[in-house]
Amino acid sequence: MGKFLKVEHIRGVTVAQVTLEKIDSEAMEPFSKEMHTLPEKNMILLLDLARVEYFFSEFLELLLRLHKRLKKSKGKLALCSPQATVREILFTTRFDKIMPIFDDENEALQALTV
């Protein structure tokens, strides 16, 4: 799709693999713009974080905004494959209470396509 996301559609789920290792303040604006190009209506979006090693707090804010927009348009946001440090941050900030976080893409696709 673009510089920061590799997008594919699998069994009705839009899987967007983040290609960045570091989502810092320099990458945040163009990354956010690319995220906003994804269609939203009734979309189930699975954001694959396997390559992400760390991110700035603005990324969490982006996830919250995206979650709210998708929910409003009858869609859903889920995350998968976070590395240990990223997983720890997501669970410490209780994002697992807001959106599902799966260990890997296969587990996510099984749960999201039931």
Protein backbone atom coordinates (compact mmCIF):
# COMPACT_ATOMS: atom_id res chain seq x y z
CA MET A 1 0.00 0.00 0.00
CA GLY A 2 2.56 2.54 1.07
CA LYS A 3 5.81 3.21 2.79
CA PHE A 4 4.71 2.28 6.33
CA LEU A 5 2.02 -0.37 5.82
CA LYS A 6 1.85 -3.57 3.83
CA VAL A 7 -1.86 -4.30 3.42
CA GLU A 8 -3.61 -7.49 2.38
CA HIS A 9 -7.16 -8.79 2.70
CA ILE A 10 -7.63 -12.24 4.22
CA ARG A 11 -11.10 -13.76 4.74
CA GLY A 12 -12.77 -10.39 5.22
CA VAL A 13 -10.05 -8.97 7.47
CA THR A 14 -7.78 -6.12 6.39
CA VAL A 15 -4.32 -7.07 7.65
CA ALA A 16 -1.96 -4.11 7.81
CA GLN A 17 1.62 -5.02 8.64
CA VAL A 18 3.53 -2.08 10.07
CA THR A 19 6.88 -1.97 8.27
CA LEU A 20 8.53 0.42 10.73
CA GLU A 21 10.77 -0.77 13.56
CA LYS A 22 10.54 2.54 15.40
CA ILE A 23 7.49 4.76 15.43
CA ASP A 24 9.04 7.99 16.68
CA SER A 25 8.02 11.62 16.37
CA GLU A 26 9.65 11.90 12.93
CA ALA A 27 7.70 8.94 11.53
CA MET A 28 4.45 9.62 13.34
CA GLU A 29 2.91 12.22 11.00
CA PRO A 30 3.47 10.35 7.72
CA PHE A 31 2.53 7.06 9.38
CA SER A 32 -0.69 8.59 10.72
CA LYS A 33 -1.55 9.96 7.28
CA GLU A 34 -1.07 6.54 5.72
CA MET A 35 -3.25 4.94 8.41
CA HIS A 36 -6.00 7.44 7.60
CA THR A 37 -6.07 6.27 3.97
CA LEU A 38 -7.51 2.92 5.04
CA PRO A 39 -11.25 2.59 4.47
CA GLU A 40 -13.22 2.29 7.68
CA LYS A 41 -16.86 1.38 7.14
CA ASN A 42 -17.54 -2.11 8.50
CA MET A 43 -13.82 -2.85 8.33
CA ILE A 44 -12.11 -5.36 10.58
CA LEU A 45 -8.54 -4.07 10.76
CA LEU A 46 -5.77 -6.26 12.11
CA LEU A 47 -2.63 -4.23 12.75
CA ASP A 48 0.43 -6.51 12.71
CA LEU A 49 3.09 -5.08 15.02
CA ALA A 50 5.72 -7.83 14.54
CA ARG A 51 8.40 -5.43 13.27
CA VAL A 52 7.76 -2.64 15.76
CA GLU A 53 10.46 -2.48 18.44
CA TYR A 54 9.28 0.70 20.14
CA PHE A 55 6.96 3.64 19.68
CA PHE A 56 6.27 7.07 21.12
CA SER A 57 3.11 7.76 23.11
CA GLU A 58 1.54 9.43 20.07
CA PHE A 59 1.18 5.95 18.59
CA LEU A 60 -1.09 4.93 21.47
CA GLU A 61 -3.16 8.04 20.85
CA LEU A 62 -3.43 7.12 17.16
CA LEU A 63 -4.59 3.61 18.09
CA LEU A 64 -7.30 5.03 20.36
CA ARG A 65 -8.55 7.43 17.68
CA LEU A 66 -8.55 4.67 15.07
CA HIS A 67 -10.39 2.30 17.43
CA LYS A 68 -13.09 4.93 18.06
CA ARG A 69 -13.51 5.72 14.34
CA LEU A 70 -13.78 2.05 13.40
CA LYS A 71 -16.21 1.30 16.22
CA LYS A 72 -18.39 4.25 15.17
CA SER A 73 -18.54 2.91 11.61
CA LYS A 74 -19.35 -0.66 12.75
CA GLY A 75 -15.76 -1.80 12.29
CA LYS A 76 -13.19 -3.27 14.62
CA LEU A 77 -9.49 -2.84 15.41
CA ALA A 78 -7.28 -5.66 16.68
CA LEU A 79 -3.52 -5.95 17.15
CA CYS A 80 -1.25 -8.93 16.67
CA SER A 81 2.32 -10.13 17.01
CA PRO A 82 3.70 -7.49 19.35
CA GLN A 83 7.31 -7.96 20.43
CA ALA A 84 7.87 -8.41 24.18
CA THR A 85 8.55 -4.73 24.96
CA VAL A 86 5.62 -3.52 22.86
CA ARG A 87 3.35 -6.16 24.41
CA GLU A 88 4.37 -5.03 27.90
CA ILE A 89 3.53 -1.41 27.10
CA LEU A 90 0.16 -2.34 25.57
CA PHE A 91 -0.82 -4.42 28.59
CA THR A 92 0.54 -1.92 31.14
CA THR A 93 -1.56 0.80 29.51
CA ARG A 94 -4.52 -1.62 29.49
CA PHE A 95 -5.02 -1.52 25.72
CA ASP A 96 -5.97 -5.19 25.98
CA LYS A 97 -9.17 -3.99 27.67
CA ILE A 98 -9.96 -1.72 24.70
CA MET A 99 -9.07 -3.92 21.74
CA PRO A 100 -8.03 -7.55 21.30
CA ILE A 101 -4.30 -8.26 21.19
CA PHE A 102 -3.29 -11.60 19.69
CA ASP A 103 0.02 -13.46 19.84
CA ASP A 104 0.15 -13.97 16.08
CA GLU A 105 -1.73 -13.38 12.85
CA ASN A 106 -3.17 -16.91 12.61
CA GLU A 107 -4.70 -16.71 16.10
CA ALA A 108 -6.14 -13.30 15.25
CA LEU A 109 -7.63 -14.42 11.94
CA GLN A 110 -9.25 -17.44 13.61
CA ALA A 111 -10.86 -15.24 16.24
CA LEU A 112 -11.87 -12.43 13.90
CA THR A 113 -13.40 -14.58 11.16
CA VAL A 114 -15.63 -16.78 13.35
